[in-house]
Amino acid sequence: MPLNLEPNIPDPDGFYEELVACQRDLPDDKALLFQAKLLLVLANHVGERSVLTQAMQAALRSL
């Protein structure tokens, strides 16, 4: 399965607002921990190692 890099979230602005709201009152260290835990939950949901590798490579390329 190839990594989908096309827009795929029905309400991207609403998702972004919810994501920001989850971290708004957290200190920086807790916000980073939240992000790491969210990443691992989503990675587990995806499950396919080749897709996860493609996602990591895409993220590195965008730095």
PDB file of N, CA and C in Angstrom:
ATOM      1  N   MET A   1       0.847  -1.173   0.000  1.00  0.00           N
ATOM      2  CA  MET A   1       0.000   0.000   0.000  1.00  0.00           C
ATOM      3  C   MET A   1       0.895   1.239   0.000  1.00  0.00           C
ATOM      4  N   PRO A   2       0.708   2.139  -0.955  1.00  0.00           N
ATOM      5  CA  PRO A   2       1.514   3.361  -0.970  1.00  0.00           C
ATOM      6  C   PRO A   2       0.982   4.392   0.026  1.00  0.00           C
ATOM      7  N   LEU A   3       1.861   5.244   0.471  1.00  0.00           N
ATOM      8  CA  LEU A   3       1.500   6.324   1.380  1.00  0.00           C
ATOM      9  C   LEU A   3       0.661   7.350   0.633  1.00  0.00           C
ATOM     10  N   ASN A   4      -0.468   7.743   1.210  1.00  0.00           N
ATOM     11  CA  ASN A   4      -1.335   8.756   0.622  1.00  0.00           C
ATOM     12  C   ASN A   4      -0.907  10.127   1.122  1.00  0.00           C
ATOM     13  N   LEU A   5      -0.388  10.962   0.240  1.00  0.00           N
ATOM     14  CA  LEU A   5       0.017  12.316   0.603  1.00  0.00           C
ATOM     15  C   LEU A   5      -0.982  13.364   0.116  1.00  0.00           C
ATOM     16  N   GLU A   6      -2.095  12.904  -0.454  1.00  0.00           N
ATOM     17  CA  GLU A   6      -3.146  13.815  -0.905  1.00  0.00           C
ATOM     18  C   GLU A   6      -4.031  14.194   0.286  1.00  0.00           C
ATOM     19  N   PRO A   7      -4.640  15.392   0.251  1.00  0.00           N
ATOM     20  CA  PRO A   7      -5.550  15.767   1.334  1.00  0.00           C
ATOM     21  C   PRO A   7      -6.615  14.681   1.528  1.00  0.00           C
ATOM     22  N   ASN A   8      -6.821  14.266   2.791  1.00  0.00           N
ATOM     23  CA  ASN A   8      -7.693  13.121   3.051  1.00  0.00           C
ATOM     24  C   ASN A   8      -8.523  13.311   4.317  1.00  0.00           C
ATOM     25  N   ILE A   9      -8.520  14.501   4.888  1.00  0.00           N
ATOM     26  CA  ILE A   9      -9.289  14.772   6.106  1.00  0.00           C
ATOM     27  C   ILE A   9     -10.478  15.633   5.701  1.00  0.00           C
ATOM     28  N   PRO A  10     -11.709  15.153   5.939  1.00  0.00           N
ATOM     29  CA  PRO A  10     -12.890  15.891   5.492  1.00  0.00           C
ATOM     30  C   PRO A  10     -12.978  17.325   6.014  1.00  0.00           C
ATOM     31  N   ASP A  11     -12.563  17.554   7.253  1.00  0.00           N
ATOM     32  CA  ASP A  11     -12.633  18.895   7.846  1.00  0.00           C
ATOM     33  C   ASP A  11     -11.260  19.264   8.393  1.00  0.00           C
ATOM     34  N   PRO A  12     -10.299  19.588   7.506  1.00  0.00           N
ATOM     35  CA  PRO A  12      -8.932  19.821   7.981  1.00  0.00           C
ATOM     36  C   PRO A  12      -8.823  20.970   8.979  1.00  0.00           C
ATOM     37  N   ASP A  13      -9.589  22.030   8.786  1.00  0.00           N
ATOM     38  CA  ASP A  13      -9.523  23.152   9.735  1.00  0.00           C
ATOM     39  C   ASP A  13     -10.043  22.744  11.104  1.00  0.00           C
ATOM     40  N   GLY A  14     -11.132  21.997  11.128  1.00  0.00           N
ATOM     41  CA  GLY A  14     -11.676  21.512  12.395  1.00  0.00           C
ATOM     42  C   GLY A  14     -10.720  20.563  13.091  1.00  0.00           C
ATOM     43  N   PHE A  15     -10.085  19.686  12.306  1.00  0.00           N
ATOM     44  CA  PHE A  15      -9.097  18.767  12.881  1.00  0.00           C
ATOM     45  C   PHE A  15      -7.939  19.546  13.492  1.00  0.00           C
ATOM     46  N   TYR A  16      -7.439  20.539  12.756  1.00  0.00           N
ATOM     47  CA  TYR A  16      -6.315  21.336  13.246  1.00  0.00           C
ATOM     48  C   TYR A  16      -6.694  22.061  14.541  1.00  0.00           C
ATOM     49  N   GLU A  17      -7.885  22.633  14.578  1.00  0.00           N
ATOM     50  CA  GLU A  17      -8.342  23.325  15.786  1.00  0.00           C
ATOM     51  C   GLU A  17      -8.409  22.370  16.972  1.00  0.00           C
ATOM     52  N   GLU A  18      -8.922  21.161  16.735  1.00  0.00           N
ATOM     53  CA  GLU A  18      -9.011  20.163  17.808  1.00  0.00           C
ATOM     54  C   GLU A  18      -7.625  19.730  18.279  1.00  0.00           C
ATOM     55  N   LEU A  19      -6.707  19.546  17.335  1.00  0.00           N
ATOM     56  CA  LEU A  19      -5.334  19.158  17.662  1.00  0.00           C
ATOM     57  C   LEU A  19      -4.661  20.229  18.516  1.00  0.00           C
ATOM     58  N   VAL A  20      -4.813  21.483  18.124  1.00  0.00           N
ATOM     59  CA  VAL A  20      -4.234  22.596  18.882  1.00  0.00           C
ATOM     60  C   VAL A  20      -4.874  22.687  20.260  1.00  0.00           C
ATOM     61  N   ALA A  21      -6.192  22.522  20.328  1.00  0.00           N
ATOM     62  CA  ALA A  21      -6.909  22.621  21.594  1.00  0.00           C
ATOM     63  C   ALA A  21      -6.442  21.558  22.589  1.00  0.00           C
ATOM     64  N   CYS A  22      -6.100  20.380  22.102  1.00  0.00           N
ATOM     65  CA  CYS A  22      -5.626  19.305  22.988  1.00  0.00           C
ATOM     66  C   CYS A  22      -4.330  19.693  23.694  1.00  0.00           C
ATOM     67  N   GLN A  23      -3.558  20.593  23.084  1.00  0.00           N
ATOM     68  CA  GLN A  23      -2.242  20.935  23.616  1.00  0.00           C
ATOM     69  C   GLN A  23      -2.173  22.334  24.216  1.00  0.00           C
ATOM     70  N   ARG A  24      -3.225  23.103  24.031  1.00  0.00           N
ATOM     71  CA  ARG A  24      -3.199  24.533  24.356  1.00  0.00           C
ATOM     72  C   ARG A  24      -2.727  24.824  25.779  1.00  0.00           C
ATOM     73  N   ASP A  25      -3.219  24.113  26.751  1.00  0.00           N
ATOM     74  CA  ASP A  25      -2.899  24.413  28.147  1.00  0.00           C
ATOM     75  C   ASP A  25      -1.794  23.536  28.712  1.00  0.00           C
ATOM     76  N   LEU A  26      -1.143  22.762  27.854  1.00  0.00           N
ATOM     77  CA  LEU A  26      -0.081  21.876  28.319  1.00  0.00           C
ATOM     78  C   LEU A  26       1.260  22.596  28.304  1.00  0.00           C
ATOM     79  N   PRO A  27       2.102  22.326  29.298  1.00  0.00           N
ATOM     80  CA  PRO A  27       3.480  22.830  29.196  1.00  0.00           C
ATOM     81  C   PRO A  27       4.179  22.140  28.021  1.00  0.00           C
ATOM     82  N   ASP A  28       5.252  22.740  27.531  1.00  0.00           N
ATOM     83  CA  ASP A  28       5.933  22.235  26.336  1.00  0.00           C
ATOM     84  C   ASP A  28       6.292  20.756  26.431  1.00  0.00           C
ATOM     85  N   ASP A  29       6.793  20.314  27.583  1.00  0.00           N
ATOM     86  CA  ASP A  29       7.201  18.914  27.702  1.00  0.00           C
ATOM     87  C   ASP A  29       6.002  17.981  27.595  1.00  0.00           C
ATOM     88  N   LYS A  30       4.857  18.366  28.148  1.00  0.00           N
ATOM     89  CA  LYS A  30       3.650  17.539  28.058  1.00  0.00           C
ATOM     90  C   LYS A  30       3.070  17.581  26.640  1.00  0.00           C
ATOM     91  N   ALA A  31       3.179  18.719  25.958  1.00  0.00           N
ATOM     92  CA  ALA A  31       2.707  18.814  24.573  1.00  0.00           C
ATOM     93  C   ALA A  31       3.530  17.892  23.672  1.00  0.00           C
ATOM     94  N   LEU A  32       4.837  17.857  23.882  1.00  0.00           N
ATOM     95  CA  LEU A  32       5.688  16.951  23.104  1.00  0.00           C
ATOM     96  C   LEU A  32       5.360  15.497  23.401  1.00  0.00           C
ATOM     97  N   LEU A  33       5.076  15.191  24.662  1.00  0.00           N
ATOM     98  CA  LEU A  33       4.701  13.830  25.039  1.00  0.00           C
ATOM     99  C   LEU A  33       3.365  13.455  24.391  1.00  0.00           C
ATOM    100  N   PHE A  34       2.412  14.379  24.391  1.00  0.00           N
ATOM    101  CA  PHE A  34       1.132  14.145  23.723  1.00  0.00           C
ATOM    102  C   PHE A  34       1.356  13.840  22.243  1.00  0.00           C
ATOM    103  N   GLN A  35       2.188  14.643  21.579  1.00  0.00           N
ATOM    104  CA  GLN A  35       2.451  14.436  20.152  1.00  0.00           C
ATOM    105  C   GLN A  35       3.076  13.072  19.899  1.00  0.00           C
ATOM    106  N   ALA A  36       4.023  12.672  20.741  1.00  0.00           N
ATOM    107  CA  ALA A  36       4.677  11.371  20.577  1.00  0.00           C
ATOM    108  C   ALA A  36       3.676  10.235  20.777  1.00  0.00           C
ATOM    109  N   LYS A  37       2.827  10.366  21.792  1.00  0.00           N
ATOM    110  CA  LYS A  37       1.837   9.314  22.047  1.00  0.00           C
ATOM    111  C   LYS A  37       0.807   9.247  20.931  1.00  0.00           C
ATOM    112  N   LEU A  38       0.386  10.396  20.421  1.00  0.00           N
ATOM    113  CA  LEU A  38      -0.559  10.418  19.309  1.00  0.00           C
ATOM    114  C   LEU A  38       0.063   9.756  18.081  1.00  0.00           C
ATOM    115  N   LEU A  39       1.321  10.062  17.804  1.00  0.00           N
ATOM    116  CA  LEU A  39       2.018   9.451  16.676  1.00  0.00           C
ATOM    117  C   LEU A  39       2.027   7.929  16.805  1.00  0.00           C
ATOM    118  N   LEU A  40       2.317   7.421  18.004  1.00  0.00           N
ATOM    119  CA  LEU A  40       2.375   5.969  18.192  1.00  0.00           C
ATOM    120  C   LEU A  40       0.998   5.323  18.073  1.00  0.00           C
ATOM    121  N   VAL A  41      -0.041   5.998  18.567  1.00  0.00           N
ATOM    122  CA  VAL A  41      -1.408   5.480  18.420  1.00  0.00           C
ATOM    123  C   VAL A  41      -1.779   5.395  16.937  1.00  0.00           C
ATOM    124  N   LEU A  42      -1.488   6.458  16.183  1.00  0.00           N
ATOM    125  CA  LEU A  42      -1.816   6.472  14.760  1.00  0.00           C
ATOM    126  C   LEU A  42      -0.962   5.478  13.977  1.00  0.00           C
ATOM    127  N   ALA A  43       0.315   5.352  14.342  1.00  0.00           N
ATOM    128  CA  ALA A  43       1.185   4.373  13.679  1.00  0.00           C
ATOM    129  C   ALA A  43       0.656   2.962  13.907  1.00  0.00           C
ATOM    130  N   ASN A  44       0.190   2.691  15.110  1.00  0.00           N
ATOM    131  CA  ASN A  44      -0.384   1.382  15.394  1.00  0.00           C
ATOM    132  C   ASN A  44      -1.641   1.153  14.560  1.00  0.00           C
ATOM    133  N   HIS A  45      -2.436   2.193  14.397  1.00  0.00           N
ATOM    134  CA  HIS A  45      -3.654   2.075  13.598  1.00  0.00           C
ATOM    135  C   HIS A  45      -3.319   1.772  12.133  1.00  0.00           C
ATOM    136  N   VAL A  46      -2.321   2.463  11.583  1.00  0.00           N
ATOM    137  CA  VAL A  46      -1.898   2.221  10.200  1.00  0.00           C
ATOM    138  C   VAL A  46      -1.371   0.796  10.086  1.00  0.00           C
ATOM    139  N   GLY A  47      -0.439   0.459  10.981  1.00  0.00           N
ATOM    140  CA  GLY A  47       0.028  -0.908  11.095  1.00  0.00           C
ATOM    141  C   GLY A  47       0.974  -1.404  10.019  1.00  0.00           C
ATOM    142  N   GLU A  48       0.848  -0.937   8.815  1.00  0.00           N
ATOM    143  CA  GLU A  48       1.675  -1.452   7.723  1.00  0.00           C
ATOM    144  C   GLU A  48       3.040  -0.781   7.746  1.00  0.00           C
ATOM    145  N   ARG A  49       4.051  -1.600   7.997  1.00  0.00           N
ATOM    146  CA  ARG A  49       5.401  -1.082   8.197  1.00  0.00           C
ATOM    147  C   ARG A  49       5.910  -0.301   6.998  1.00  0.00           C
ATOM    148  N   SER A  50       5.634  -0.762   5.785  1.00  0.00           N
ATOM    149  CA  SER A  50       6.138  -0.050   4.606  1.00  0.00           C
ATOM    150  C   SER A  50       5.525   1.347   4.505  1.00  0.00           C
ATOM    151  N   VAL A  51       4.270   1.499   4.878  1.00  0.00           N
ATOM    152  CA  VAL A  51       3.623   2.810   4.856  1.00  0.00           C
ATOM    153  C   VAL A  51       4.231   3.709   5.925  1.00  0.00           C
ATOM    154  N   LEU A  52       4.505   3.141   7.094  1.00  0.00           N
ATOM    155  CA  LEU A  52       5.128   3.922   8.166  1.00  0.00           C
ATOM    156  C   LEU A  52       6.530   4.384   7.753  1.00  0.00           C
ATOM    157  N   THR A  53       7.276   3.531   7.087  1.00  0.00           N
ATOM    158  CA  THR A  53       8.606   3.910   6.602  1.00  0.00           C
ATOM    159  C   THR A  53       8.494   5.036   5.581  1.00  0.00           C
ATOM    160  N   GLN A  54       7.541   4.937   4.664  1.00  0.00           N
ATOM    161  CA  GLN A  54       7.333   6.005   3.683  1.00  0.00           C
ATOM    162  C   GLN A  54       6.966   7.320   4.365  1.00  0.00           C
ATOM    163  N   ALA A  55       6.149   7.233   5.417  1.00  0.00           N
ATOM    164  CA  ALA A  55       5.742   8.435   6.147  1.00  0.00           C
ATOM    165  C   ALA A  55       6.934   9.078   6.851  1.00  0.00           C
ATOM    166  N   MET A  56       7.789   8.262   7.458  1.00  0.00           N
ATOM    167  CA  MET A  56       8.977   8.810   8.123  1.00  0.00           C
ATOM    168  C   MET A  56       9.899   9.476   7.111  1.00  0.00           C
ATOM    169  N   GLN A  57      10.078   8.841   5.954  1.00  0.00           N
ATOM    170  CA  GLN A  57      10.928   9.423   4.912  1.00  0.00           C
ATOM    171  C   GLN A  57      10.341  10.723   4.384  1.00  0.00           C
ATOM    172  N   ALA A  58       9.031  10.790   4.214  1.00  0.00           N
ATOM    173  CA  ALA A  58       8.382  12.007   3.736  1.00  0.00           C
ATOM    174  C   ALA A  58       8.540  13.124   4.761  1.00  0.00           C
ATOM    175  N   ALA A  59       8.411  12.794   6.041  1.00  0.00           N
ATOM    176  CA  ALA A  59       8.567  13.801   7.085  1.00  0.00           C
ATOM    177  C   ALA A  59       9.999  14.327   7.131  1.00  0.00           C
ATOM    178  N   LEU A  60      10.968  13.436   6.995  1.00  0.00           N
ATOM    179  CA  LEU A  60      12.380  13.865   6.988  1.00  0.00           C
ATOM    180  C   LEU A  60      12.679  14.768   5.801  1.00  0.00           C
ATOM    181  N   ARG A  61      12.130  14.421   4.642  1.00  0.00           N
ATOM    182  CA  ARG A  61      12.374  15.223   3.437  1.00  0.00           C
ATOM    183  C   ARG A  61      11.802  16.640   3.588  1.00  0.00           C
ATOM    184  N   SER A  62      10.750  16.769   4.377  1.00  0.00           N
ATOM    185  CA  SER A  62      10.098  18.078   4.488  1.00  0.00           C
ATOM    186  C   SER A  62      10.771  18.995   5.504  1.00  0.00           C
ATOM    187  N   LEU A  63      11.814  18.520   6.174  1.00  0.00           N
ATOM    188  CA  LEU A  63      12.504  19.366   7.170  1.00  0.00           C
ATOM    189  C   LEU A  63      13.432  20.363   6.506  1.00  0.00           C
TER     190      LEU A  63
END
